[in-house]
Amino acid sequence: MKLTLKRTDLTGTYTGGILEVRADDDTLLMRCHTLEDPVREIEPGGKGKIHGKTAILVGVYRVVLSFSNRFQVVMPELLEVLYFAGIRIHVGNTVVDTDGCILVGENRSGSFLGNSKKAYKRLMVHLNAAHKKKEKVFITVT
């Protein structure tokens, strides 16, 4: 399974985007909106990153389902994100909810993400199905 996050709105206070979930044969399974912290220039060694207030670097990351101590539930985690740890895809409505993670929602108006729980539940259906089939899941952030 392939996830693609295309960042469309890069502002000084938030980053908005579109997440597409596709099967290995490239069939579109779902599309939703995303909200992240602002993109900041991160220099080697992590200089420029503000903890909990910076979007992850563009790249390709493995996505696994793992237990979150913070949320006390199994949820998607991005692995080997340079200068970041514990990056998740989860529910939320504003950048206050991100803490460096990726929020998903059914719709977005500026920096507000709507129907986040509904989008997250749809995403988890696909991720759980891939996990059950032992498929590897990757997200490409552009």
N, C-alpha and C. Protein backbone atom coordinates (compact mmCIF):
# COMPACT_ATOMS: atom_id res chain seq x y z
N MET A 1 0.85 -1.17 0.00
CA MET A 1 0.00 0.00 0.00
C MET A 1 0.89 1.23 0.00
N LYS A 2 0.45 2.25 -0.74
CA LYS A 2 1.21 3.49 -0.87
C LYS A 2 0.36 4.67 -0.42
N LEU A 3 0.94 5.50 0.41
CA LEU A 3 0.31 6.75 0.81
C LEU A 3 1.15 7.88 0.22
N THR A 4 0.47 8.89 -0.29
CA THR A 4 1.15 10.06 -0.82
C THR A 4 0.56 11.29 -0.17
N LEU A 5 1.41 12.07 0.47
CA LEU A 5 0.99 13.34 1.08
C LEU A 5 1.58 14.47 0.25
N LYS A 6 0.69 15.17 -0.45
CA LYS A 6 1.10 16.32 -1.25
C LYS A 6 0.75 17.58 -0.47
N ARG A 7 1.76 18.30 -0.06
CA ARG A 7 1.56 19.55 0.67
C ARG A 7 1.14 20.62 -0.33
N THR A 8 0.02 21.26 -0.05
CA THR A 8 -0.53 22.25 -0.98
C THR A 8 -0.51 23.66 -0.44
N ASP A 9 -0.61 23.83 0.86
CA ASP A 9 -0.65 25.15 1.48
C ASP A 9 0.45 25.24 2.53
N LEU A 10 1.50 25.95 2.20
CA LEU A 10 2.61 26.13 3.14
C LEU A 10 2.58 27.57 3.63
N THR A 11 2.22 27.74 4.90
CA THR A 11 2.16 29.08 5.48
C THR A 11 3.11 29.14 6.67
N GLY A 12 3.22 30.28 7.26
CA GLY A 12 4.07 30.44 8.44
C GLY A 12 3.48 29.84 9.70
N THR A 13 2.19 29.46 9.65
CA THR A 13 1.54 28.93 10.85
C THR A 13 1.04 27.49 10.71
N TYR A 14 0.87 27.00 9.48
CA TYR A 14 0.41 25.62 9.26
C TYR A 14 0.78 25.16 7.86
N THR A 15 0.67 23.84 7.65
CA THR A 15 0.86 23.24 6.34
C THR A 15 -0.36 22.37 6.05
N GLY A 16 -1.04 22.66 4.96
CA GLY A 16 -2.19 21.87 4.55
C GLY A 16 -1.82 20.99 3.37
N GLY A 17 -2.53 19.89 3.23
CA GLY A 17 -2.23 18.99 2.12
C GLY A 17 -3.33 18.01 1.83
N ILE A 18 -3.04 17.13 0.88
CA ILE A 18 -3.95 16.06 0.48
C ILE A 18 -3.22 14.73 0.63
N LEU A 19 -3.86 13.78 1.28
CA LEU A 19 -3.32 12.43 1.44
C LEU A 19 -4.12 11.48 0.56
N GLU A 20 -3.41 10.75 -0.30
CA GLU A 20 -4.03 9.70 -1.10
C GLU A 20 -3.52 8.35 -0.64
N VAL A 21 -4.43 7.40 -0.55
CA VAL A 21 -4.09 6.03 -0.18
C VAL A 21 -4.37 5.17 -1.41
N ARG A 22 -3.35 4.46 -1.87
CA ARG A 22 -3.49 3.63 -3.07
C ARG A 22 -3.03 2.20 -2.80
N ALA A 23 -3.73 1.29 -3.45
CA ALA A 23 -3.34 -0.12 -3.40
C ALA A 23 -2.06 -0.28 -4.21
N ASP A 24 -1.41 -1.43 -4.09
CA ASP A 24 -0.18 -1.67 -4.83
C ASP A 24 -0.38 -1.60 -6.34
N ASP A 25 -1.61 -1.86 -6.82
CA ASP A 25 -1.89 -1.75 -8.26
C ASP A 25 -2.26 -0.33 -8.66
N ASP A 26 -2.09 0.63 -7.75
CA ASP A 26 -2.32 2.07 -7.95
C ASP A 26 -3.81 2.47 -7.91
N THR A 27 -4.68 1.56 -7.52
CA THR A 27 -6.10 1.89 -7.36
C THR A 27 -6.25 2.86 -6.19
N LEU A 28 -6.96 3.97 -6.41
CA LEU A 28 -7.19 4.93 -5.34
C LEU A 28 -8.19 4.36 -4.34
N LEU A 29 -7.78 4.24 -3.09
CA LEU A 29 -8.65 3.70 -2.04
C LEU A 29 -9.34 4.81 -1.25
N MET A 30 -8.63 5.91 -1.04
CA MET A 30 -9.24 7.05 -0.35
C MET A 30 -8.38 8.29 -0.54
N ARG A 31 -9.01 9.42 -0.32
CA ARG A 31 -8.33 10.72 -0.36
C ARG A 31 -8.89 11.54 0.79
N CYS A 32 -8.02 12.27 1.48
CA CYS A 32 -8.48 13.14 2.56
C CYS A 32 -7.53 14.33 2.68
N HIS A 33 -7.89 15.26 3.51
CA HIS A 33 -7.08 16.45 3.76
C HIS A 33 -6.14 16.19 4.93
N THR A 34 -5.07 16.96 4.98
CA THR A 34 -4.11 16.85 6.08
C THR A 34 -3.79 18.23 6.64
N LEU A 35 -3.29 18.21 7.85
CA LEU A 35 -2.83 19.43 8.51
C LEU A 35 -1.58 19.08 9.29
N GLU A 36 -0.56 19.92 9.14
CA GLU A 36 0.71 19.73 9.85
C GLU A 36 1.18 21.07 10.38
N ASP A 37 2.22 21.00 11.18
CA ASP A 37 2.91 22.22 11.61
C ASP A 37 3.55 22.86 10.39
N PRO A 38 4.02 24.09 10.51
CA PRO A 38 4.68 24.74 9.38
C PRO A 38 5.98 24.04 8.99
N VAL A 39 6.29 24.09 7.70
CA VAL A 39 7.58 23.60 7.21
C VAL A 39 8.63 24.64 7.57
N ARG A 40 9.72 24.17 8.15
CA ARG A 40 10.82 25.06 8.51
C ARG A 40 12.11 24.54 7.87
N GLU A 41 13.03 25.42 7.63
CA GLU A 41 14.34 25.03 7.11
C GLU A 41 15.09 24.30 8.23
N ILE A 42 15.42 23.04 7.99
CA ILE A 42 16.15 22.25 8.98
C ILE A 42 17.54 21.97 8.42
N GLU A 43 18.53 22.45 9.12
CA GLU A 43 19.92 22.28 8.70
C GLU A 43 20.47 20.97 9.25
N PRO A 44 21.60 20.51 8.73
CA PRO A 44 22.22 19.30 9.26
C PRO A 44 22.37 19.37 10.78
N GLY A 45 22.09 18.27 11.42
CA GLY A 45 22.13 18.21 12.88
C GLY A 45 20.81 18.63 13.51
N GLY A 46 19.84 19.03 12.69
CA GLY A 46 18.52 19.39 13.21
C GLY A 46 18.36 20.85 13.56
N LYS A 47 19.37 21.67 13.30
CA LYS A 47 19.28 23.10 13.61
C LYS A 47 18.15 23.73 12.79
N GLY A 48 17.30 24.50 13.46
CA GLY A 48 16.16 25.14 12.81
C GLY A 48 14.84 24.46 13.14
N LYS A 49 14.93 23.22 13.61
CA LYS A 49 13.71 22.51 14.01
C LYS A 49 13.25 23.05 15.36
N ILE A 50 11.95 23.29 15.47
CA ILE A 50 11.36 23.66 16.75
C ILE A 50 10.53 22.46 17.20
N HIS A 51 10.92 21.84 18.30
CA HIS A 51 10.26 20.63 18.77
C HIS A 51 8.75 20.83 18.90
N GLY A 52 7.99 19.91 18.27
CA GLY A 52 6.53 19.94 18.35
C GLY A 52 5.87 21.03 17.53
N LYS A 53 6.66 21.78 16.75
CA LYS A 53 6.10 22.88 15.98
C LYS A 53 6.69 22.94 14.57
N THR A 54 7.18 21.80 14.07
CA THR A 54 7.82 21.74 12.77
C THR A 54 7.34 20.51 12.02
N ALA A 55 6.99 20.69 10.74
CA ALA A 55 6.60 19.56 9.89
C ALA A 55 7.83 18.73 9.55
N ILE A 56 7.62 17.44 9.34
CA ILE A 56 8.71 16.54 8.98
C ILE A 56 9.26 16.90 7.61
N LEU A 57 10.47 16.44 7.33
CA LEU A 57 11.10 16.67 6.04
C LEU A 57 10.42 15.86 4.95
N VAL A 58 10.46 16.37 3.71
CA VAL A 58 9.95 15.59 2.60
C VAL A 58 10.77 14.31 2.50
N GLY A 59 10.14 13.24 2.02
CA GLY A 59 10.83 11.98 1.90
C GLY A 59 9.86 10.81 1.86
N VAL A 60 10.43 9.62 1.88
CA VAL A 60 9.64 8.38 1.88
C VAL A 60 9.90 7.68 3.20
N TYR A 61 8.82 7.29 3.88
CA TYR A 61 8.93 6.68 5.20
C TYR A 61 8.08 5.43 5.27
N ARG A 62 8.57 4.45 5.98
CA ARG A 62 7.79 3.24 6.26
C ARG A 62 6.74 3.60 7.31
N VAL A 63 5.53 3.07 7.13
CA VAL A 63 4.44 3.28 8.09
C VAL A 63 4.09 1.93 8.70
N VAL A 64 4.09 1.88 10.02
CA VAL A 64 3.71 0.66 10.74
C VAL A 64 2.61 1.00 11.73
N LEU A 65 1.90 -0.02 12.16
CA LEU A 65 0.92 0.16 13.23
C LEU A 65 1.61 -0.25 14.52
N SER A 66 1.65 0.68 15.48
CA SER A 66 2.32 0.40 16.75
C SER A 66 1.54 1.06 17.88
N PHE A 67 1.82 0.59 19.08
CA PHE A 67 1.13 1.12 20.26
C PHE A 67 1.71 2.47 20.63
N SER A 68 0.84 3.45 20.81
CA SER A 68 1.25 4.79 21.23
C SER A 68 1.05 4.92 22.73
N ASN A 69 2.14 5.18 23.44
CA ASN A 69 2.03 5.39 24.88
C ASN A 69 1.22 6.65 25.19
N ARG A 70 1.37 7.66 24.34
CA ARG A 70 0.65 8.92 24.55
C ARG A 70 -0.86 8.75 24.41
N PHE A 71 -1.29 8.06 23.34
CA PHE A 71 -2.72 7.91 23.05
C PHE A 71 -3.31 6.61 23.60
N GLN A 72 -2.45 5.69 24.03
CA GLN A 72 -2.87 4.40 24.60
C GLN A 72 -3.70 3.56 23.64
N VAL A 73 -3.29 3.56 22.36
CA VAL A 73 -3.97 2.79 21.32
C VAL A 73 -2.98 2.52 20.19
N VAL A 74 -3.25 1.49 19.40
CA VAL A 74 -2.43 1.20 18.22
C VAL A 74 -2.80 2.20 17.12
N MET A 75 -1.77 2.81 16.53
CA MET A 75 -2.01 3.80 15.48
C MET A 75 -0.82 3.86 14.53
N PRO A 76 -0.97 4.52 13.37
CA PRO A 76 0.12 4.59 12.39
C PRO A 76 1.30 5.41 12.90
N GLU A 77 2.50 4.86 12.68
CA GLU A 77 3.74 5.54 13.05
C GLU A 77 4.67 5.56 11.84
N LEU A 78 5.30 6.69 11.57
CA LEU A 78 6.29 6.82 10.51
C LEU A 78 7.65 6.51 11.11
N LEU A 79 8.39 5.63 10.45
CA LEU A 79 9.69 5.20 10.96
C LEU A 79 10.84 5.96 10.31
N GLU A 80 11.92 6.10 11.06
CA GLU A 80 13.18 6.66 10.59
C GLU A 80 13.01 8.04 9.96
N VAL A 81 12.28 8.91 10.65
CA VAL A 81 12.11 10.30 10.21
C VAL A 81 13.27 11.10 10.79
N LEU A 82 14.14 11.61 9.93
CA LEU A 82 15.33 12.33 10.35
C LEU A 82 14.98 13.49 11.27
N TYR A 83 15.62 13.53 12.44
CA TYR A 83 15.47 14.57 13.47
C TYR A 83 14.15 14.52 14.22
N PHE A 84 13.33 13.49 14.00
CA PHE A 84 12.03 13.37 14.66
C PHE A 84 11.88 11.96 15.24
N ALA A 85 11.05 11.85 16.26
CA ALA A 85 10.73 10.54 16.84
C ALA A 85 9.24 10.52 17.18
N GLY A 86 8.64 9.35 17.05
CA GLY A 86 7.24 9.19 17.44
C GLY A 86 6.26 9.92 16.54
N ILE A 87 6.58 10.04 15.26
CA ILE A 87 5.68 10.73 14.33
C ILE A 87 4.53 9.81 13.97
N ARG A 88 3.32 10.30 14.18
CA ARG A 88 2.10 9.53 13.97
C ARG A 88 1.18 10.23 12.98
N ILE A 89 0.23 9.47 12.47
CA ILE A 89 -0.91 10.03 11.76
C ILE A 89 -2.07 9.87 12.72
N HIS A 90 -2.76 10.99 13.02
CA HIS A 90 -3.83 10.88 14.01
C HIS A 90 -4.90 11.94 13.83
N VAL A 91 -5.85 11.93 14.74
CA VAL A 91 -7.00 12.83 14.74
C VAL A 91 -6.60 14.17 15.34
N GLY A 92 -7.19 15.23 14.82
CA GLY A 92 -7.00 16.57 15.36
C GLY A 92 -7.63 17.60 14.44
N ASN A 93 -7.79 18.81 14.95
CA ASN A 93 -8.46 19.85 14.17
C ASN A 93 -7.61 21.07 13.88
N THR A 94 -6.59 21.34 14.69
CA THR A 94 -5.74 22.52 14.49
C THR A 94 -4.28 22.15 14.71
N VAL A 95 -3.38 23.06 14.36
CA VAL A 95 -1.95 22.78 14.54
C VAL A 95 -1.59 22.55 16.00
N VAL A 96 -2.39 23.03 16.92
CA VAL A 96 -2.14 22.78 18.35
C VAL A 96 -2.16 21.27 18.61
N ASP A 97 -2.94 20.52 17.80
CA ASP A 97 -3.09 19.08 17.98
C ASP A 97 -1.97 18.27 17.33
N THR A 98 -1.13 18.89 16.50
CA THR A 98 -0.19 18.11 15.69
C THR A 98 1.03 17.61 16.44
N ASP A 99 1.70 18.48 17.18
CA ASP A 99 2.94 18.14 17.88
C ASP A 99 3.95 17.49 16.93
N GLY A 100 3.99 17.99 15.67
CA GLY A 100 4.91 17.47 14.67
C GLY A 100 4.35 16.34 13.83
N CYS A 101 3.17 15.86 14.18
CA CYS A 101 2.55 14.73 13.48
C CYS A 101 1.68 15.20 12.32
N ILE A 102 1.07 14.23 11.63
CA ILE A 102 0.18 14.50 10.50
C ILE A 102 -1.25 14.23 10.94
N LEU A 103 -2.10 15.24 10.80
CA LEU A 103 -3.52 15.09 11.11
C LEU A 103 -4.27 14.84 9.81
N VAL A 104 -5.35 14.04 9.87
CA VAL A 104 -6.19 13.80 8.70
C VAL A 104 -7.61 14.25 8.97
N GLY A 105 -8.31 14.66 7.89
CA GLY A 105 -9.69 15.10 8.03
C GLY A 105 -10.42 15.00 6.71
N GLU A 106 -11.74 15.06 6.78
CA GLU A 106 -12.58 14.99 5.59
C GLU A 106 -12.54 16.30 4.79
N ASN A 107 -12.35 17.42 5.49
CA ASN A 107 -12.32 18.72 4.82
C ASN A 107 -11.42 19.65 5.61
N ARG A 108 -11.03 20.74 4.94
CA ARG A 108 -10.16 21.71 5.60
C ARG A 108 -10.52 23.10 5.12
N SER A 109 -10.57 24.01 6.06
CA SER A 109 -10.76 25.42 5.76
C SER A 109 -9.62 26.18 6.43
N GLY A 110 -8.64 26.59 5.64
CA GLY A 110 -7.47 27.23 6.20
C GLY A 110 -6.76 26.30 7.17
N SER A 111 -6.61 26.77 8.39
CA SER A 111 -5.88 25.97 9.39
C SER A 111 -6.80 25.09 10.24
N PHE A 112 -8.07 24.94 9.83
CA PHE A 112 -9.00 24.07 10.57
C PHE A 112 -9.32 22.83 9.75
N LEU A 113 -9.15 21.68 10.37
CA LEU A 113 -9.40 20.40 9.74
C LEU A 113 -10.70 19.83 10.30
N GLY A 114 -11.67 19.51 9.43
CA GLY A 114 -12.96 19.02 9.87
C GLY A 114 -13.14 17.53 9.67
N ASN A 115 -14.05 16.95 10.45
CA ASN A 115 -14.39 15.52 10.38
C ASN A 115 -13.15 14.64 10.45
N SER A 116 -12.27 14.96 11.37
CA SER A 116 -11.01 14.24 11.50
C SER A 116 -11.21 12.79 11.92
N LYS A 117 -12.09 12.55 12.87
CA LYS A 117 -12.31 11.16 13.33
C LYS A 117 -12.83 10.28 12.20
N LYS A 118 -13.69 10.81 11.38
CA LYS A 118 -14.25 10.05 10.26
C LYS A 118 -13.16 9.67 9.25
N ALA A 119 -12.31 10.63 8.89
CA ALA A 119 -11.21 10.35 7.96
C ALA A 119 -10.23 9.36 8.56
N TYR A 120 -9.93 9.52 9.83
CA TYR A 120 -8.98 8.62 10.50
C TYR A 120 -9.53 7.18 10.53
N LYS A 121 -10.81 7.03 10.81
CA LYS A 121 -11.41 5.69 10.82
C LYS A 121 -11.32 5.04 9.44
N ARG A 122 -11.57 5.81 8.37
CA ARG A 122 -11.45 5.27 7.01
C ARG A 122 -10.01 4.87 6.72
N LEU A 123 -9.06 5.70 7.12
CA LEU A 123 -7.65 5.39 6.91
C LEU A 123 -7.27 4.11 7.64
N MET A 124 -7.72 3.97 8.87
CA MET A 124 -7.37 2.78 9.66
C MET A 124 -7.94 1.50 9.08
N VAL A 125 -9.09 1.57 8.43
CA VAL A 125 -9.65 0.38 7.75
C VAL A 125 -8.63 -0.13 6.73
N HIS A 126 -8.08 0.78 5.93
CA HIS A 126 -7.11 0.38 4.90
C HIS A 126 -5.79 -0.07 5.50
N LEU A 127 -5.31 0.63 6.51
CA LEU A 127 -4.04 0.25 7.14
C LEU A 127 -4.16 -1.08 7.87
N ASN A 128 -5.27 -1.31 8.54
CA ASN A 128 -5.48 -2.60 9.22
C ASN A 128 -5.55 -3.74 8.21
N ALA A 129 -6.19 -3.51 7.07
CA ALA A 129 -6.28 -4.54 6.02
C ALA A 129 -4.88 -4.86 5.49
N ALA A 130 -4.07 -3.85 5.26
CA ALA A 130 -2.70 -4.06 4.78
C ALA A 130 -1.88 -4.81 5.83
N HIS A 131 -2.05 -4.42 7.09
CA HIS A 131 -1.33 -5.08 8.19
C HIS A 131 -1.72 -6.56 8.28
N LYS A 132 -2.99 -6.83 8.13
CA LYS A 132 -3.49 -8.21 8.21
C LYS A 132 -2.89 -9.07 7.08
N LYS A 133 -2.70 -8.46 5.90
CA LYS A 133 -2.12 -9.16 4.75
C LYS A 133 -0.59 -9.12 4.76
N LYS A 134 -0.03 -8.50 5.80
CA LYS A 134 1.42 -8.36 5.95
C LYS A 134 2.05 -7.55 4.81
N GLU A 135 1.28 -6.61 4.26
CA GLU A 135 1.79 -5.71 3.22
C GLU A 135 2.64 -4.62 3.88
N LYS A 136 3.69 -4.22 3.22
CA LYS A 136 4.46 -3.07 3.68
C LYS A 136 3.74 -1.81 3.22
N VAL A 137 3.77 -0.80 4.06
CA VAL A 137 3.12 0.48 3.77
C VAL A 137 4.18 1.57 3.83
N PHE A 138 4.17 2.43 2.81
CA PHE A 138 5.09 3.56 2.76
C PHE A 138 4.30 4.83 2.49
N ILE A 139 4.79 5.95 3.03
CA ILE A 139 4.23 7.25 2.74
C ILE A 139 5.31 8.10 2.09
N THR A 140 4.93 8.76 1.00
CA THR A 140 5.80 9.70 0.33
C THR A 140 5.28 11.09 0.62
N VAL A 141 6.11 11.92 1.23
CA VAL A 141 5.74 13.29 1.56
C VAL A 141 6.43 14.21 0.57
N THR A 142 5.64 15.00 -0.17
CA THR A 142 6.20 15.91 -1.18
C THR A 142 5.82 17.33 -0.89
